[in-house]
């Protein structure tokens, strides 16, 4: 007979568990290694304890041979191996108790075990089936008794000890992994309303996209989408591990049930059928919520991408308009420069011709035969042309030097 406990201890409770194990060993005077890994087995008098450390939970399995006990097998569940362990020790384990099972293996014909079922399980509805090709059978009601443990009865008709031990191990694993897989279901139900709210918010934002106008409105809507995306990423980070772990545990449950090689017992629902009808919907609900969260994230990413494209196009249009305006101003400046160049050439020519005229007048007074006015008029076009050409050449040099 065995008692099986599973505690959810997350990933950082290893040190506390080792302290609890050493405390239990000292209560029974057992010697255990000072340092050990994720597996430990030692004797507690007539009971043997096997401890296993998993990623986020630990299992404590207490074994005891039925030959060491007398009395009616139907009453032995009240004297399971766990009853010999002090309650104060269980309080030392730093973790939440998730699974508590008392399992009894009775050697003998399967038909004889049927007579024990009412005494062990009362009027509770049973599930079970023939296992290992008909070499054994198992029954359970998946209900907690007065000791807070569920009960499993196994009738071993033809299995050898090694195969019977593997069968017991699979049954304990199925219940442990089933409860671990179900940890995602309350989380899925808790976040489903918030996901619905975010889906509605996204639908509202998407509906407003066709009615907004102007870069400011688009930027405001992009801010709303970014805020919503941040909420979804936060929720994903909080739930992704739990949903992924749930899928992995459910796959292990299905694998272990397949390994049972179960066939139907008359009048009793099979373990495989029970898991499909009770565990399957919960797992599909969790998967659906995880899928909705992932789909919502993808929709927000697409909506944000489309809105960013609209904003970029609007910014490009504004930039294009700005460039067009700048080009117009540059052309105007160029025309002004050309006008200034012409005016500058005229002004310079005017002052230069004035100086030349003064020089010619002075020469005339000194006896020069040239008429100052006539000479100035003749050279005026050449002076103006030379000045204009010089001004343009200087501008070109300055332009090339930029």
Protein backbone atom coordinates (compact mmCIF):
# COMPACT_ATOMS: atom_id res chain seq x y z
CA UNK A 1 0.00 0.00 0.00
CA UNK A 2 1.21 3.53 -0.63
CA UNK A 3 0.39 7.15 0.18
CA UNK A 4 1.30 9.70 -2.46
CA UNK A 5 1.59 13.45 -1.90
CA UNK A 6 2.37 16.12 -4.46
CA UNK A 7 3.29 19.66 -3.36
CA UNK A 8 3.52 22.66 -5.67
CA UNK A 9 6.84 24.18 -4.63
CA UNK A 10 7.71 26.25 -7.74
CA UNK A 11 11.39 26.48 -8.66
CA UNK A 12 13.02 27.98 -5.59
CA UNK A 13 11.89 25.77 -2.73
CA UNK A 14 14.57 23.10 -2.98
CA UNK A 15 16.49 24.13 0.14
CA UNK A 16 13.37 24.15 2.34
CA UNK A 17 12.38 20.70 1.11
CA UNK A 18 15.78 19.25 2.01
CA UNK A 19 15.39 20.65 5.52
CA UNK A 20 11.92 19.03 5.80
CA UNK A 21 13.30 15.69 4.55
CA UNK A 22 16.13 15.75 7.08
CA UNK A 23 13.62 16.60 9.80
CA UNK A 24 11.43 13.64 8.81
CA UNK A 25 14.41 11.30 8.73
CA UNK A 26 15.47 12.40 12.21
CA UNK A 27 11.95 11.71 13.55
CA UNK A 28 12.32 8.05 12.53
CA UNK A 29 16.02 7.77 13.23
CA UNK A 30 16.90 7.30 9.56
CA UNK A 31 20.20 8.38 8.07
CA UNK A 32 20.20 10.27 4.78
CA UNK A 33 23.04 11.89 2.82
CA UNK A 34 23.97 15.44 3.68
CA UNK A 35 23.85 16.45 0.03
CA UNK A 36 21.48 14.89 -2.50
CA UNK A 37 19.94 15.86 -5.83
CA UNK A 38 16.38 15.58 -7.09
CA UNK A 39 15.70 12.01 -5.93
CA UNK A 40 15.96 10.36 -2.54
CA UNK A 41 14.77 7.05 -1.05
CA UNK A 42 15.12 5.96 2.58
CA UNK A 43 13.38 3.75 5.16
CA UNK A 44 11.11 5.00 7.92
CA UNK A 45 10.77 1.83 9.92
CA UNK A 46 8.42 -0.47 8.02
CA UNK A 47 7.61 2.34 5.57
CA UNK A 48 9.79 3.46 2.70
CA UNK A 49 9.74 7.03 1.37
CA UNK A 50 10.61 8.01 -2.19
CA UNK A 51 11.00 11.73 -2.81
CA UNK A 52 11.25 13.22 -6.30
CA UNK A 53 11.84 16.84 -7.22
CA UNK A 54 10.29 18.09 -10.48
CA UNK A 55 10.37 21.53 -12.09
CA UNK A 56 7.52 23.07 -10.11
CA UNK A 57 6.31 20.31 -7.82
CA UNK A 58 7.67 17.54 -5.61
CA UNK A 59 6.22 14.13 -4.81
CA UNK A 60 6.45 12.13 -1.57
CA UNK A 61 5.44 8.48 -1.91
CA UNK A 62 5.26 6.31 1.22
CA UNK A 63 5.26 2.52 0.58
CA UNK A 64 4.30 -0.25 2.93
CA UNK A 65 3.75 -3.99 2.39
CA UNK A 66 0.24 -5.27 3.07
CA UNK A 67 1.64 -8.45 4.63
CA UNK A 68 2.77 -6.30 7.56
CA UNK A 69 -0.82 -5.34 8.35
CA UNK A 70 -3.74 -7.40 9.51
CA UNK A 71 -7.45 -6.78 9.38
CA UNK A 72 -9.95 -6.24 6.63
CA UNK A 73 -8.41 -4.80 3.43
CA UNK A 74 -11.39 -2.45 3.21
CA UNK A 75 -10.31 -0.83 6.50
CA UNK A 76 -6.64 -0.47 5.61
CA UNK A 77 -7.21 2.87 3.87
CA UNK A 78 -7.81 4.33 7.32
CA UNK A 79 -4.34 3.09 8.32
CA UNK A 80 -2.45 4.14 5.24
CA UNK A 81 1.32 4.76 5.47
CA UNK A 82 0.69 8.51 5.62
CA UNK A 83 -1.12 8.08 8.94
CA UNK A 84 2.23 7.21 10.55
CA UNK A 85 3.74 10.56 9.59
CA UNK A 86 3.17 13.38 12.12
CA UNK A 87 0.95 16.20 10.90
CA UNK A 88 3.46 18.78 12.08
CA UNK A 89 5.97 17.50 9.52
CA UNK A 90 3.57 18.14 6.62
CA UNK A 91 3.37 21.76 7.72
CA UNK A 92 7.13 22.07 7.30
CA UNK A 93 6.96 21.39 3.56
CA UNK A 94 7.12 24.77 1.85
CA UNK A 95 4.46 24.27 -0.80
CA UNK A 96 0.77 23.86 -1.53
CA UNK A 97 -0.59 20.33 -1.27
CA UNK A 98 -2.13 19.52 -4.64
CA UNK A 99 -2.51 15.72 -4.64
CA UNK A 100 -3.05 13.24 -1.82
CA UNK A 101 -3.70 9.60 -2.75
CA UNK A 102 -3.93 6.36 -0.82
CA UNK A 103 -3.48 3.39 -3.13
CA UNK A 104 -3.77 -0.25 -2.23
CA UNK A 105 -2.67 -3.18 -4.37
CA UNK A 106 -4.50 -6.42 -3.61
CA UNK A 107 -3.13 -9.63 -5.01
CA UNK A 108 -5.80 -12.03 -6.22
CA UNK A 109 -8.60 -12.45 -8.74
CA UNK A 110 -10.21 -9.29 -10.03
CA UNK A 111 -13.69 -10.66 -9.34
CA UNK A 112 -12.94 -10.96 -5.61
CA UNK A 113 -11.95 -7.28 -5.44
CA UNK A 114 -15.44 -6.28 -6.62
CA UNK A 115 -16.84 -7.34 -3.26
CA UNK A 116 -14.63 -4.78 -1.51
CA UNK A 117 -15.76 -1.78 -3.56
CA UNK A 118 -18.86 -0.77 -1.50
CA UNK A 119 -16.89 -0.89 1.74
CA UNK A 120 -13.99 1.16 0.33
CA UNK A 121 -15.85 3.71 -1.85
CA UNK A 122 -19.39 3.62 -0.44
CA UNK A 123 -22.04 4.76 -2.91
CA UNK A 124 -19.68 7.02 -4.88
CA UNK A 125 -19.56 6.72 -8.65
CA UNK A 126 -16.49 4.76 -9.70
CA UNK A 127 -14.21 4.93 -12.71
CA UNK A 128 -11.70 2.28 -13.67
CA UNK A 129 -11.02 -0.60 -15.98
CA UNK A 130 -9.00 -3.69 -16.72
CA UNK A 131 -5.34 -2.76 -17.09
CA UNK A 132 -2.19 -4.26 -18.56
CA UNK A 133 -4.04 -6.51 -20.96
CA UNK A 134 -6.41 -7.78 -18.29
CA UNK A 135 -3.68 -8.73 -15.82
CA UNK A 136 -4.92 -6.17 -13.31
CA UNK A 137 -7.78 -3.78 -12.64
CA UNK A 138 -8.13 -0.44 -10.88
CA UNK A 139 -11.01 1.51 -9.34
CA UNK A 140 -11.25 5.02 -7.91
CA UNK A 141 -13.98 7.50 -7.09
CA UNK A 142 -11.74 10.61 -7.36
CA UNK A 143 -13.30 11.84 -4.11
CA UNK A 144 -11.54 12.96 -0.93
CA UNK A 145 -12.18 10.83 2.16
CA UNK A 146 -12.22 11.97 5.77
CA UNK A 147 -8.40 12.09 5.75
CA UNK A 148 -8.33 14.41 2.73
CA UNK A 149 -7.05 11.73 0.37
CA UNK A 150 -8.52 10.08 -2.70
CA UNK A 151 -8.55 6.29 -2.89
CA UNK A 152 -7.41 3.89 -5.59
CA UNK A 153 -7.81 0.13 -5.38
CA UNK A 154 -5.72 -2.06 -7.68
CA UNK A 155 -6.39 -5.79 -8.08
CA UNK A 156 -3.27 -7.57 -9.31
CA UNK A 157 -4.24 -10.90 -10.80
CA UNK A 158 -1.28 -11.98 -12.93
CA UNK A 159 1.29 -9.16 -13.05
CA UNK A 160 4.81 -9.70 -11.77
CA UNK A 161 6.11 -7.29 -9.11
CA UNK A 162 8.11 -5.16 -11.54
CA UNK A 163 5.22 -4.64 -13.93
CA UNK A 164 2.80 -4.10 -11.06
CA UNK A 165 5.11 -1.39 -9.68
CA UNK A 166 5.19 0.36 -13.05
CA UNK A 167 1.40 0.20 -13.21
CA UNK A 168 1.10 1.81 -9.77
CA UNK A 169 3.59 4.49 -10.79
CA UNK A 170 1.56 5.32 -13.91
CA UNK A 171 -1.67 5.60 -11.91
CA UNK A 172 -0.05 8.00 -9.46
CA UNK A 173 1.45 10.02 -12.30
CA UNK A 174 -1.90 10.28 -14.08
CA UNK A 175 -3.56 11.86 -11.06
CA UNK A 176 -0.58 14.13 -10.34
CA UNK A 177 -0.24 15.35 -13.92
CA UNK A 178 -4.02 15.73 -14.18
CA UNK A 179 -4.08 18.12 -11.25
CA UNK A 180 -1.04 20.00 -12.53
CA UNK A 181 -2.68 20.36 -15.93
CA UNK A 182 -5.84 21.72 -14.34
CA UNK A 183 -3.91 24.59 -12.72
CA UNK A 184 -4.28 26.49 -16.00
CA UNK A 185 -8.08 26.25 -16.00
CA UNK A 186 -8.81 28.78 -13.18
CA UNK A 187 -6.31 31.15 -14.75
CA UNK A 188 -8.03 30.81 -18.13
CA UNK A 189 -11.43 31.55 -16.61
CA UNK A 190 -10.02 34.52 -14.69
CA UNK A 191 -8.47 36.26 -17.70
CA UNK A 192 -11.23 35.43 -20.21
CA UNK A 193 -13.36 38.51 -19.29
CA UNK A 194 -10.34 40.80 -19.62
CA UNK A 195 -9.53 39.31 -23.03
CA UNK A 196 -13.14 39.92 -24.11
CA UNK A 197 -12.83 43.52 -22.94
CA UNK A 198 -9.62 44.00 -24.93
CA UNK A 199 -11.20 42.40 -28.00
CA UNK A 200 -14.09 44.85 -27.76
CA UNK A 201 -11.67 47.75 -27.31
CA UNK A 202 -9.72 46.67 -30.36
CA UNK A 203 -12.93 46.39 -32.39
CA UNK A 204 -13.87 49.94 -31.34
CA UNK A 205 -10.47 51.30 -32.32
CA UNK A 206 -10.57 49.46 -35.64
CA UNK A 207 -14.05 50.85 -36.34
CA UNK A 208 -12.86 54.40 -35.73
CA UNK A 209 -9.94 54.04 -38.11
CA UNK A 210 -12.06 54.74 -41.17
CA UNK A 211 -13.49 57.94 -39.65
CA UNK A 212 -10.40 59.64 -38.31
CA UNK A 213 -8.70 62.41 -40.24
CA UNK A 214 -5.51 64.27 -39.59
CA UNK A 215 -2.13 63.25 -38.29
CA UNK A 216 -2.99 64.16 -34.69
CA UNK A 217 -5.96 61.76 -34.60
CA UNK A 218 -3.89 58.99 -36.13
CA UNK A 219 -1.12 59.46 -33.58
CA UNK A 220 -3.69 59.38 -30.76
CA UNK A 221 -5.14 56.13 -32.07
CA UNK A 222 -1.66 54.66 -32.46
CA UNK A 223 -1.04 55.50 -28.80
CA UNK A 224 -4.23 53.62 -27.86
CA UNK A 225 -3.11 50.56 -29.81
CA UNK A 226 0.35 50.67 -28.26
CA UNK A 227 -1.16 50.81 -24.76
CA UNK A 228 -3.43 47.86 -25.56
CA UNK A 229 -0.51 45.89 -26.99
CA UNK A 230 1.45 46.50 -23.78
CA UNK A 231 -1.43 45.10 -21.71
CA UNK A 232 -1.56 41.98 -23.87
CA UNK A 233 2.19 41.44 -23.69
CA UNK A 234 2.03 41.76 -19.91
CA UNK A 235 -0.78 39.21 -19.75
CA UNK A 236 1.07 36.88 -22.11
CA UNK A 237 4.20 37.03 -19.98
CA UNK A 238 2.10 36.21 -16.92
CA UNK A 239 0.22 33.26 -18.43
CA UNK A 240 2.40 31.78 -21.15
CA UNK A 241 4.35 29.44 -18.85
CA UNK A 242 1.20 28.17 -17.15
CA UNK A 243 -0.57 27.40 -20.44
CA UNK A 244 2.53 25.78 -21.94
CA UNK A 245 3.04 23.66 -18.83
CA UNK A 246 -0.63 22.67 -18.89
CA UNK A 247 -0.31 21.38 -22.45
CA UNK A 248 2.78 19.40 -21.49
CA UNK A 249 1.08 17.84 -18.43
CA UNK A 250 -2.01 16.96 -20.46
CA UNK A 251 0.17 15.24 -23.05
CA UNK A 252 1.77 13.21 -20.23
CA UNK A 253 -1.66 12.22 -18.90
CA UNK A 254 -2.71 10.98 -22.33
CA UNK A 255 0.57 9.10 -22.73
CA UNK A 256 0.27 7.40 -19.34
CA UNK A 257 -3.34 6.41 -20.03
CA UNK A 258 -2.26 4.84 -23.31
CA UNK A 259 0.44 2.91 -21.47
CA UNK A 260 -2.16 1.47 -19.08
CA UNK A 261 -3.55 -0.68 -21.92
CA UNK A 262 -7.02 -0.21 -20.46
CA UNK A 263 -10.12 -2.16 -21.39
CA UNK A 264 -13.65 -1.69 -20.08
CA UNK A 265 -15.01 -3.16 -16.87
CA UNK A 266 -18.72 -3.88 -16.96
CA UNK A 267 -20.82 -1.05 -15.57
CA UNK A 268 -17.89 1.29 -14.83
CA UNK A 269 -16.64 4.26 -16.80
CA UNK A 270 -13.08 3.86 -18.04
CA UNK A 271 -10.28 6.12 -16.86
CA UNK A 272 -9.60 7.19 -20.44
CA UNK A 273 -13.26 8.10 -20.97
CA UNK A 274 -13.39 10.04 -17.71
CA UNK A 275 -10.28 12.04 -18.62
CA UNK A 276 -11.63 12.83 -22.06
CA UNK A 277 -15.00 13.98 -20.70
CA UNK A 278 -13.78 15.87 -17.64
CA UNK A 279 -10.18 16.89 -18.25
CA UNK A 280 -10.44 17.34 -22.02
CA UNK A 281 -12.95 20.25 -21.94
CA UNK A 282 -10.89 22.09 -19.33
CA UNK A 283 -7.76 21.70 -21.45
CA UNK A 284 -9.58 22.83 -24.58
CA UNK A 285 -10.88 25.86 -22.69
CA UNK A 286 -7.36 26.75 -21.59
CA UNK A 287 -6.06 26.24 -25.13
CA UNK A 288 -8.88 28.39 -26.53
CA UNK A 289 -8.11 31.25 -24.11
CA UNK A 290 -4.40 31.02 -24.95
CA UNK A 291 -5.30 31.02 -28.64
CA UNK A 292 -7.54 34.08 -28.21
CA UNK A 293 -4.71 35.90 -26.47
CA UNK A 294 -2.29 35.04 -29.26
CA UNK A 295 -4.81 35.98 -31.95
CA UNK A 296 -5.57 39.27 -30.22
CA UNK A 297 -1.86 40.07 -30.15
CA UNK A 298 -1.60 39.37 -33.88
CA UNK A 299 -4.64 41.54 -34.66
CA UNK A 300 -3.21 44.43 -32.67
CA UNK A 301 0.12 44.04 -34.44
CA UNK A 302 -1.61 44.19 -37.84
CA UNK A 303 -3.79 47.16 -36.83
CA UNK A 304 -0.76 49.00 -35.46
CA UNK A 305 1.15 48.28 -38.66
CA UNK A 306 -1.66 49.64 -40.82
CA UNK A 307 -2.02 52.74 -38.68
CA UNK A 308 1.72 53.34 -38.69
CA UNK A 309 1.61 53.12 -42.47
CA UNK A 310 -1.12 55.77 -42.55
CA UNK A 311 0.88 58.00 -40.24
CA UNK A 312 4.02 57.55 -42.33
CA UNK A 313 2.11 58.38 -45.51
CA UNK A 314 0.64 61.50 -43.89
CA UNK A 315 4.10 62.55 -42.71
CA UNK A 316 5.51 61.94 -46.18
CA UNK A 317 2.74 64.07 -47.70
CA UNK A 318 3.55 66.85 -45.25
CA UNK A 319 7.23 66.54 -46.08
CA UNK A 320 6.42 66.64 -49.79
CA UNK A 321 4.37 69.79 -49.32
CA UNK A 322 7.20 71.30 -47.29
CA UNK A 323 9.73 70.43 -49.98
CA UNK A 324 7.47 71.93 -52.66
CA UNK A 325 7.16 75.12 -50.61
CA UNK A 326 10.94 75.19 -50.09
CA UNK A 327 11.50 74.69 -53.80
CA UNK A 328 9.18 77.59 -54.58
CA UNK A 329 11.04 79.82 -52.14
CA UNK A 330 14.39 78.77 -53.59
CA UNK A 331 13.20 79.64 -57.07
CA UNK A 332 12.00 83.01 -55.82
CA UNK A 333 15.33 83.60 -54.11
CA UNK A 334 17.11 82.66 -57.33
CA UNK A 335 15.05 85.17 -59.27
CA UNK A 336 15.74 87.80 -56.64
CA UNK A 337 19.43 87.01 -56.87
CA UNK A 338 19.34 87.36 -60.64
CA UNK A 339 17.49 90.67 -60.27
CA UNK A 340 19.99 91.84 -57.70
CA UNK A 341 22.81 90.76 -59.98
CA UNK A 342 21.37 92.92 -62.78
CA UNK A 343 20.83 95.87 -60.47
CA UNK A 344 24.29 95.42 -58.99
CA UNK A 345 25.85 95.43 -62.48
CA UNK A 346 23.92 98.58 -63.38
CA UNK A 347 24.89 100.31 -60.12
CA UNK A 348 28.56 99.38 -60.43
CA UNK A 349 28.54 100.41 -64.08
CA UNK A 350 26.89 103.72 -63.19
CA UNK A 351 29.54 104.59 -60.62
CA UNK A 352 32.37 103.37 -62.85
CA UNK A 353 31.11 105.38 -65.86
CA UNK A 354 30.77 108.40 -63.59
CA UNK A 355 34.43 108.06 -62.62
CA UNK A 356 35.42 107.65 -66.28
CA UNK A 357 33.34 110.71 -67.20
CA UNK A 358 35.10 112.79 -64.55
CA UNK A 359 38.44 111.64 -65.93
CA UNK A 360 37.42 112.53 -69.52
CA UNK A 361 36.18 115.95 -68.43
CA UNK A 362 39.47 116.60 -66.72
CA UNK A 363 41.32 115.52 -69.86
CA UNK A 364 39.13 117.85 -72.01
CA UNK A 365 40.05 120.83 -69.85
CA UNK A 366 43.65 119.89 -70.31
CA UNK A 367 43.20 120.11 -74.10
CA UNK A 368 42.01 116.64 -75.06
CA UNK A 369 39.95 116.66 -78.27
CA UNK A 370 37.55 113.94 -76.96
CA UNK A 371 34.07 114.96 -76.01
CA UNK A 372 33.50 113.51 -72.47
CA UNK A 373 29.79 112.89 -73.00
CA UNK A 374 30.28 111.21 -76.38
CA UNK A 375 33.14 109.06 -75.14
CA UNK A 376 31.22 108.00 -72.03
CA UNK A 377 28.22 107.00 -74.15
CA UNK A 378 30.41 104.92 -76.48
CA UNK A 379 32.13 102.91 -73.77
CA UNK A 380 29.00 102.54 -71.56
CA UNK A 381 27.71 99.28 -73.21
CA UNK A 382 31.13 97.66 -72.93
CA UNK A 383 31.50 98.63 -69.27
CA UNK A 384 28.01 97.43 -68.38
CA UNK A 385 28.54 94.11 -70.20
CA UNK A 386 31.93 93.54 -68.55
CA UNK A 387 30.53 94.28 -65.09
CA UNK A 388 27.54 91.97 -65.59
CA UNK A 389 29.79 89.15 -66.83
CA UNK A 390 32.13 89.62 -63.87
CA UNK A 391 29.29 89.52 -61.32
CA UNK A 392 27.90 86.26 -62.77
CA UNK A 393 31.33 84.67 -62.80
CA UNK A 394 31.88 85.53 -59.14
CA UNK A 395 28.46 84.04 -58.21
CA UNK A 396 29.23 80.80 -60.06
CA UNK A 397 32.52 80.43 -58.20
CA UNK A 398 30.82 81.00 -54.87
CA UNK A 399 28.11 78.44 -55.78
CA UNK A 400 30.67 75.79 -56.74
CA UNK A 401 32.61 76.37 -53.52
CA UNK A 402 29.60 75.42 -51.29
